[in-house]
Amino acid sequence: MDQHQPDRQNHVMANDVDTALNIEKTSGAANAWVYMTHKAVPRGVIKRVLAFPKLRRNIIKIK
């Protein structure tokens, strides 16, 4: 099964998720969850990025 993630189309949500992953590193997964919920990130995305770190996309900085 191909686990390659498609290219990000929603750059606003991508930035929100990247910010949440930084929050996770410094303040824990619960705070990252709260942040993403506040930013209306879909629950499935929240679960995937927090529960399965190996399935995360590479962080790409957008200029």
PDB file of N, CA and C in Angstrom:
ATOM      1  N   MET A   1       0.841  -1.175   0.000  1.00  0.00           N
ATOM      2  CA  MET A   1       0.000   0.000   0.000  1.00  0.00           C
ATOM      3  C   MET A   1       0.888   1.240   0.000  1.00  0.00           C
ATOM      4  N   ASP A   2       0.609   2.146  -0.911  1.00  0.00           N
ATOM      5  CA  ASP A   2       1.376   3.389  -1.028  1.00  0.00           C
ATOM      6  C   ASP A   2       0.969   4.344   0.087  1.00  0.00           C
ATOM      7  N   GLN A   3       1.931   4.745   0.915  1.00  0.00           N
ATOM      8  CA  GLN A   3       1.633   5.658   2.005  1.00  0.00           C
ATOM      9  C   GLN A   3       2.082   7.075   1.686  1.00  0.00           C
ATOM     10  N   HIS A   4       2.403   7.345   0.421  1.00  0.00           N
ATOM     11  CA  HIS A   4       2.801   8.686   0.021  1.00  0.00           C
ATOM     12  C   HIS A   4       1.621   9.630   0.184  1.00  0.00           C
ATOM     13  N   GLN A   5       1.870  10.744   0.829  1.00  0.00           N
ATOM     14  CA  GLN A   5       0.833  11.745   1.020  1.00  0.00           C
ATOM     15  C   GLN A   5       0.771  12.643  -0.210  1.00  0.00           C
ATOM     16  N   PRO A   6      -0.435  12.960  -0.675  1.00  0.00           N
ATOM     17  CA  PRO A   6      -0.536  13.887  -1.810  1.00  0.00           C
ATOM     18  C   PRO A   6      -0.027  15.263  -1.422  1.00  0.00           C
ATOM     19  N   ASP A   7       0.308  16.058  -2.428  1.00  0.00           N
ATOM     20  CA  ASP A   7       0.773  17.420  -2.169  1.00  0.00           C
ATOM     21  C   ASP A   7      -0.308  18.193  -1.429  1.00  0.00           C
ATOM     22  N   ARG A   8       0.146  19.050  -0.530  1.00  0.00           N
ATOM     23  CA  ARG A   8      -0.788  19.858   0.241  1.00  0.00           C
ATOM     24  C   ARG A   8      -1.473  20.866  -0.667  1.00  0.00           C
ATOM     25  N   GLN A   9      -2.784  20.942  -0.560  1.00  0.00           N
ATOM     26  CA  GLN A   9      -3.547  21.925  -1.320  1.00  0.00           C
ATOM     27  C   GLN A   9      -4.011  23.071  -0.423  1.00  0.00           C
ATOM     28  N   ASN A  10      -4.175  22.795   0.854  1.00  0.00           N
ATOM     29  CA  ASN A  10      -4.658  23.806   1.770  1.00  0.00           C
ATOM     30  C   ASN A  10      -3.484  24.301   2.609  1.00  0.00           C
ATOM     31  N   HIS A  11      -2.852  25.354   2.148  1.00  0.00           N
ATOM     32  CA  HIS A  11      -1.641  25.849   2.802  1.00  0.00           C
ATOM     33  C   HIS A  11      -1.928  26.481   4.164  1.00  0.00           C
ATOM     34  N   VAL A  12      -3.111  27.031   4.353  1.00  0.00           N
ATOM     35  CA  VAL A  12      -3.454  27.598   5.653  1.00  0.00           C
ATOM     36  C   VAL A  12      -3.519  26.479   6.686  1.00  0.00           C
ATOM     37  N   MET A  13      -4.225  25.394   6.359  1.00  0.00           N
ATOM     38  CA  MET A  13      -4.312  24.276   7.286  1.00  0.00           C
ATOM     39  C   MET A  13      -2.939  23.632   7.480  1.00  0.00           C
ATOM     40  N   ALA A  14      -2.149  23.553   6.435  1.00  0.00           N
ATOM     41  CA  ALA A  14      -0.802  22.987   6.552  1.00  0.00           C
ATOM     42  C   ALA A  14       0.030  23.790   7.549  1.00  0.00           C
ATOM     43  N   ASN A  15      -0.069  25.101   7.482  1.00  0.00           N
ATOM     44  CA  ASN A  15       0.665  25.949   8.428  1.00  0.00           C
ATOM     45  C   ASN A  15       0.145  25.764   9.853  1.00  0.00           C
ATOM     46  N   ASP A  16      -1.178  25.602   9.993  1.00  0.00           N
ATOM     47  CA  ASP A  16      -1.756  25.364  11.310  1.00  0.00           C
ATOM     48  C   ASP A  16      -1.252  24.046  11.895  1.00  0.00           C
ATOM     49  N   VAL A  17      -1.179  23.019  11.069  1.00  0.00           N
ATOM     50  CA  VAL A  17      -0.681  21.722  11.529  1.00  0.00           C
ATOM     51  C   VAL A  17       0.800  21.826  11.894  1.00  0.00           C
ATOM     52  N   ASP A  18       1.576  22.507  11.076  1.00  0.00           N
ATOM     53  CA  ASP A  18       3.002  22.674  11.386  1.00  0.00           C
ATOM     54  C   ASP A  18       3.194  23.411  12.715  1.00  0.00           C
ATOM     55  N   THR A  19       2.392  24.442  12.942  1.00  0.00           N
ATOM     56  CA  THR A  19       2.456  25.157  14.211  1.00  0.00           C
ATOM     57  C   THR A  19       2.095  24.227  15.364  1.00  0.00           C
ATOM     58  N   ALA A  20       1.064  23.426  15.173  1.00  0.00           N
ATOM     59  CA  ALA A  20       0.654  22.481  16.214  1.00  0.00           C
ATOM     60  C   ALA A  20       1.750  21.462  16.516  1.00  0.00           C
ATOM     61  N   LEU A  21       2.480  21.035  15.506  1.00  0.00           N
ATOM     62  CA  LEU A  21       3.562  20.081  15.741  1.00  0.00           C
ATOM     63  C   LEU A  21       4.686  20.727  16.542  1.00  0.00           C
ATOM     64  N   ASN A  22       4.914  22.004  16.335  1.00  0.00           N
ATOM     65  CA  ASN A  22       5.882  22.725  17.173  1.00  0.00           C
ATOM     66  C   ASN A  22       5.369  22.842  18.605  1.00  0.00           C
ATOM     67  N   ILE A  23       4.077  23.074  18.745  1.00  0.00           N
ATOM     68  CA  ILE A  23       3.468  23.124  20.079  1.00  0.00           C
ATOM     69  C   ILE A  23       3.618  21.766  20.763  1.00  0.00           C
ATOM     70  N   GLU A  24       3.406  20.698  20.011  1.00  0.00           N
ATOM     71  CA  GLU A  24       3.545  19.356  20.572  1.00  0.00           C
ATOM     72  C   GLU A  24       4.947  19.138  21.151  1.00  0.00           C
ATOM     73  N   LYS A  25       5.955  19.601  20.432  1.00  0.00           N
ATOM     74  CA  LYS A  25       7.338  19.430  20.892  1.00  0.00           C
ATOM     75  C   LYS A  25       7.603  20.150  22.202  1.00  0.00           C
ATOM     76  N   THR A  26       7.009  21.325  22.374  1.00  0.00           N
ATOM     77  CA  THR A  26       7.310  22.137  23.547  1.00  0.00           C
ATOM     78  C   THR A  26       6.298  21.988  24.675  1.00  0.00           C
ATOM     79  N   SER A  27       5.028  21.710  24.325  1.00  0.00           N
ATOM     80  CA  SER A  27       3.974  21.731  25.348  1.00  0.00           C
ATOM     81  C   SER A  27       3.131  20.468  25.396  1.00  0.00           C
ATOM     82  N   GLY A  28       3.407  19.517  24.516  1.00  0.00           N
ATOM     83  CA  GLY A  28       2.679  18.250  24.551  1.00  0.00           C
ATOM     84  C   GLY A  28       1.550  18.135  23.542  1.00  0.00           C
ATOM     85  N   ALA A  29       1.141  16.881  23.342  1.00  0.00           N
ATOM     86  CA  ALA A  29       0.128  16.567  22.343  1.00  0.00           C
ATOM     87  C   ALA A  29      -1.239  17.157  22.678  1.00  0.00           C
ATOM     88  N   ALA A  30      -1.590  17.209  23.967  1.00  0.00           N
ATOM     89  CA  ALA A  30      -2.901  17.757  24.342  1.00  0.00           C
ATOM     90  C   ALA A  30      -3.035  19.215  23.914  1.00  0.00           C
ATOM     91  N   ASN A  31      -1.973  19.981  24.113  1.00  0.00           N
ATOM     92  CA  ASN A  31      -2.019  21.392  23.695  1.00  0.00           C
ATOM     93  C   ASN A  31      -2.043  21.521  22.179  1.00  0.00           C
ATOM     94  N   ALA A  32      -1.340  20.643  21.496  1.00  0.00           N
ATOM     95  CA  ALA A  32      -1.382  20.651  20.028  1.00  0.00           C
ATOM     96  C   ALA A  32      -2.791  20.324  19.540  1.00  0.00           C
ATOM     97  N   TRP A  33      -3.432  19.359  20.197  1.00  0.00           N
ATOM     98  CA  TRP A  33      -4.818  18.976  19.853  1.00  0.00           C
ATOM     99  C   TRP A  33      -5.749  20.176  20.036  1.00  0.00           C
ATOM    100  N   VAL A  34      -5.628  20.866  21.164  1.00  0.00           N
ATOM    101  CA  VAL A  34      -6.482  22.025  21.432  1.00  0.00           C
ATOM    102  C   VAL A  34      -6.270  23.091  20.361  1.00  0.00           C
ATOM    103  N   TYR A  35      -5.014  23.353  20.014  1.00  0.00           N
ATOM    104  CA  TYR A  35      -4.717  24.366  18.996  1.00  0.00           C
ATOM    105  C   TYR A  35      -5.354  23.999  17.650  1.00  0.00           C
ATOM    106  N   MET A  36      -5.166  22.744  17.227  1.00  0.00           N
ATOM    107  CA  MET A  36      -5.725  22.341  15.930  1.00  0.00           C
ATOM    108  C   MET A  36      -7.242  22.347  15.944  1.00  0.00           C
ATOM    109  N   THR A  37      -7.848  21.974  17.067  1.00  0.00           N
ATOM    110  CA  THR A  37      -9.304  22.033  17.175  1.00  0.00           C
ATOM    111  C   THR A  37      -9.774  23.480  17.047  1.00  0.00           C
ATOM    112  N   HIS A  38      -9.089  24.388  17.710  1.00  0.00           N
ATOM    113  CA  HIS A  38      -9.412  25.817  17.623  1.00  0.00           C
ATOM    114  C   HIS A  38      -9.292  26.325  16.180  1.00  0.00           C
ATOM    115  N   LYS A  39      -8.330  25.792  15.434  1.00  0.00           N
ATOM    116  CA  LYS A  39      -8.111  26.210  14.048  1.00  0.00           C
ATOM    117  C   LYS A  39      -8.977  25.432  13.054  1.00  0.00           C
ATOM    118  N   ALA A  40      -9.884  24.597  13.554  1.00  0.00           N
ATOM    119  CA  ALA A  40     -10.832  23.833  12.737  1.00  0.00           C
ATOM    120  C   ALA A  40     -10.150  22.821  11.811  1.00  0.00           C
ATOM    121  N   VAL A  41      -9.042  22.266  12.259  1.00  0.00           N
ATOM    122  CA  VAL A  41      -8.402  21.185  11.518  1.00  0.00           C
ATOM    123  C   VAL A  41      -9.287  19.953  11.694  1.00  0.00           C
ATOM    124  N   PRO A  42      -9.592  19.225  10.612  1.00  0.00           N
ATOM    125  CA  PRO A  42     -10.450  18.039  10.736  1.00  0.00           C
ATOM    126  C   PRO A  42      -9.888  17.027  11.734  1.00  0.00           C
ATOM    127  N   ARG A  43     -10.799  16.389  12.486  1.00  0.00           N
ATOM    128  CA  ARG A  43     -10.399  15.433  13.521  1.00  0.00           C
ATOM    129  C   ARG A  43      -9.521  14.317  12.983  1.00  0.00           C
ATOM    130  N   GLY A  44      -9.813  13.844  11.780  1.00  0.00           N
ATOM    131  CA  GLY A  44      -9.006  12.782  11.191  1.00  0.00           C
ATOM    132  C   GLY A  44      -7.571  13.200  10.964  1.00  0.00           C
ATOM    133  N   VAL A  45      -7.380  14.437  10.573  1.00  0.00           N
ATOM    134  CA  VAL A  45      -6.032  14.967  10.373  1.00  0.00           C
ATOM    135  C   VAL A  45      -5.324  15.086  11.718  1.00  0.00           C
ATOM    136  N   ILE A  46      -6.032  15.602  12.705  1.00  0.00           N
ATOM    137  CA  ILE A  46      -5.446  15.739  14.039  1.00  0.00           C
ATOM    138  C   ILE A  46      -4.986  14.377  14.547  1.00  0.00           C
ATOM    139  N   LYS A  47      -5.853  13.388  14.452  1.00  0.00           N
ATOM    140  CA  LYS A  47      -5.511  12.046  14.926  1.00  0.00           C
ATOM    141  C   LYS A  47      -4.303  11.496  14.185  1.00  0.00           C
ATOM    142  N   ARG A  48      -4.281  11.674  12.866  1.00  0.00           N
ATOM    143  CA  ARG A  48      -3.182  11.124  12.063  1.00  0.00           C
ATOM    144  C   ARG A  48      -1.849  11.750  12.441  1.00  0.00           C
ATOM    145  N   VAL A  49      -1.805  13.069  12.525  1.00  0.00           N
ATOM    146  CA  VAL A  49      -0.510  13.709  12.766  1.00  0.00           C
ATOM    147  C   VAL A  49      -0.008  13.502  14.191  1.00  0.00           C
ATOM    148  N   LEU A  50      -0.925  13.350  15.146  1.00  0.00           N
ATOM    149  CA  LEU A  50      -0.487  13.149  16.520  1.00  0.00           C
ATOM    150  C   LEU A  50      -0.241  11.676  16.851  1.00  0.00           C
ATOM    151  N   ALA A  51      -1.051  10.782  16.289  1.00  0.00           N
ATOM    152  CA  ALA A  51      -0.941   9.367  16.646  1.00  0.00           C
ATOM    153  C   ALA A  51       0.045   8.600  15.779  1.00  0.00           C
ATOM    154  N   PHE A  52       0.279   9.063  14.561  1.00  0.00           N
ATOM    155  CA  PHE A  52       1.122   8.329  13.623  1.00  0.00           C
ATOM    156  C   PHE A  52       2.193   9.244  13.030  1.00  0.00           C
ATOM    157  N   PRO A  53       3.199   9.597  13.809  1.00  0.00           N
ATOM    158  CA  PRO A  53       4.201  10.561  13.330  1.00  0.00           C
ATOM    159  C   PRO A  53       4.933  10.111  12.066  1.00  0.00           C
ATOM    160  N   LYS A  54       5.054   8.821  11.835  1.00  0.00           N
ATOM    161  CA  LYS A  54       5.744   8.358  10.625  1.00  0.00           C
ATOM    162  C   LYS A  54       4.947   8.642   9.360  1.00  0.00           C
ATOM    163  N   LEU A  55       3.661   8.913   9.503  1.00  0.00           N
ATOM    164  CA  LEU A  55       2.836   9.218   8.332  1.00  0.00           C
ATOM    165  C   LEU A  55       2.746  10.716   8.052  1.00  0.00           C
ATOM    166  N   ARG A  56       3.443  11.508   8.855  1.00  0.00           N
ATOM    167  CA  ARG A  56       3.421  12.960   8.630  1.00  0.00           C
ATOM    168  C   ARG A  56       4.135  13.320   7.346  1.00  0.00           C
ATOM    169  N   ARG A  57       3.650  14.381   6.728  1.00  0.00           N
ATOM    170  CA  ARG A  57       4.329  14.913   5.551  1.00  0.00           C
ATOM    171  C   ARG A  57       5.578  15.639   6.017  1.00  0.00           C
ATOM    172  N   ASN A  58       6.520  15.807   5.110  1.00  0.00           N
ATOM    173  CA  ASN A  58       7.697  16.619   5.424  1.00  0.00           C
ATOM    174  C   ASN A  58       7.255  18.066   5.537  1.00  0.00           C
ATOM    175  N   ILE A  59       7.794  18.761   6.519  1.00  0.00           N
ATOM    176  CA  ILE A  59       7.453  20.165   6.700  1.00  0.00           C
ATOM    177  C   ILE A  59       8.179  20.984   5.636  1.00  0.00           C
ATOM    178  N   ILE A  60       7.393  21.720   4.865  1.00  0.00           N
ATOM    179  CA  ILE A  60       7.930  22.568   3.803  1.00  0.00           C
ATOM    180  C   ILE A  60       7.557  24.000   4.143  1.00  0.00           C
ATOM    181  N   LYS A  61       8.536  24.834   4.269  1.00  0.00           N
ATOM    182  CA  LYS A  61       8.274  26.235   4.559  1.00  0.00           C
ATOM    183  C   LYS A  61       7.792  26.933   3.291  1.00  0.00           C
ATOM    184  N   ILE A  62       6.684  27.640   3.409  1.00  0.00           N
ATOM    185  CA  ILE A  62       6.089  28.365   2.291  1.00  0.00           C
ATOM    186  C   ILE A  62       6.453  29.834   2.448  1.00  0.00           C
ATOM    187  N   LYS A  63       6.976  30.405   1.400  1.00  0.00           N
ATOM    188  CA  LYS A  63       7.363  31.816   1.450  1.00  0.00           C
ATOM    189  C   LYS A  63       6.242  32.695   0.989  1.00  0.00           C
TER     190      LYS A  63
END
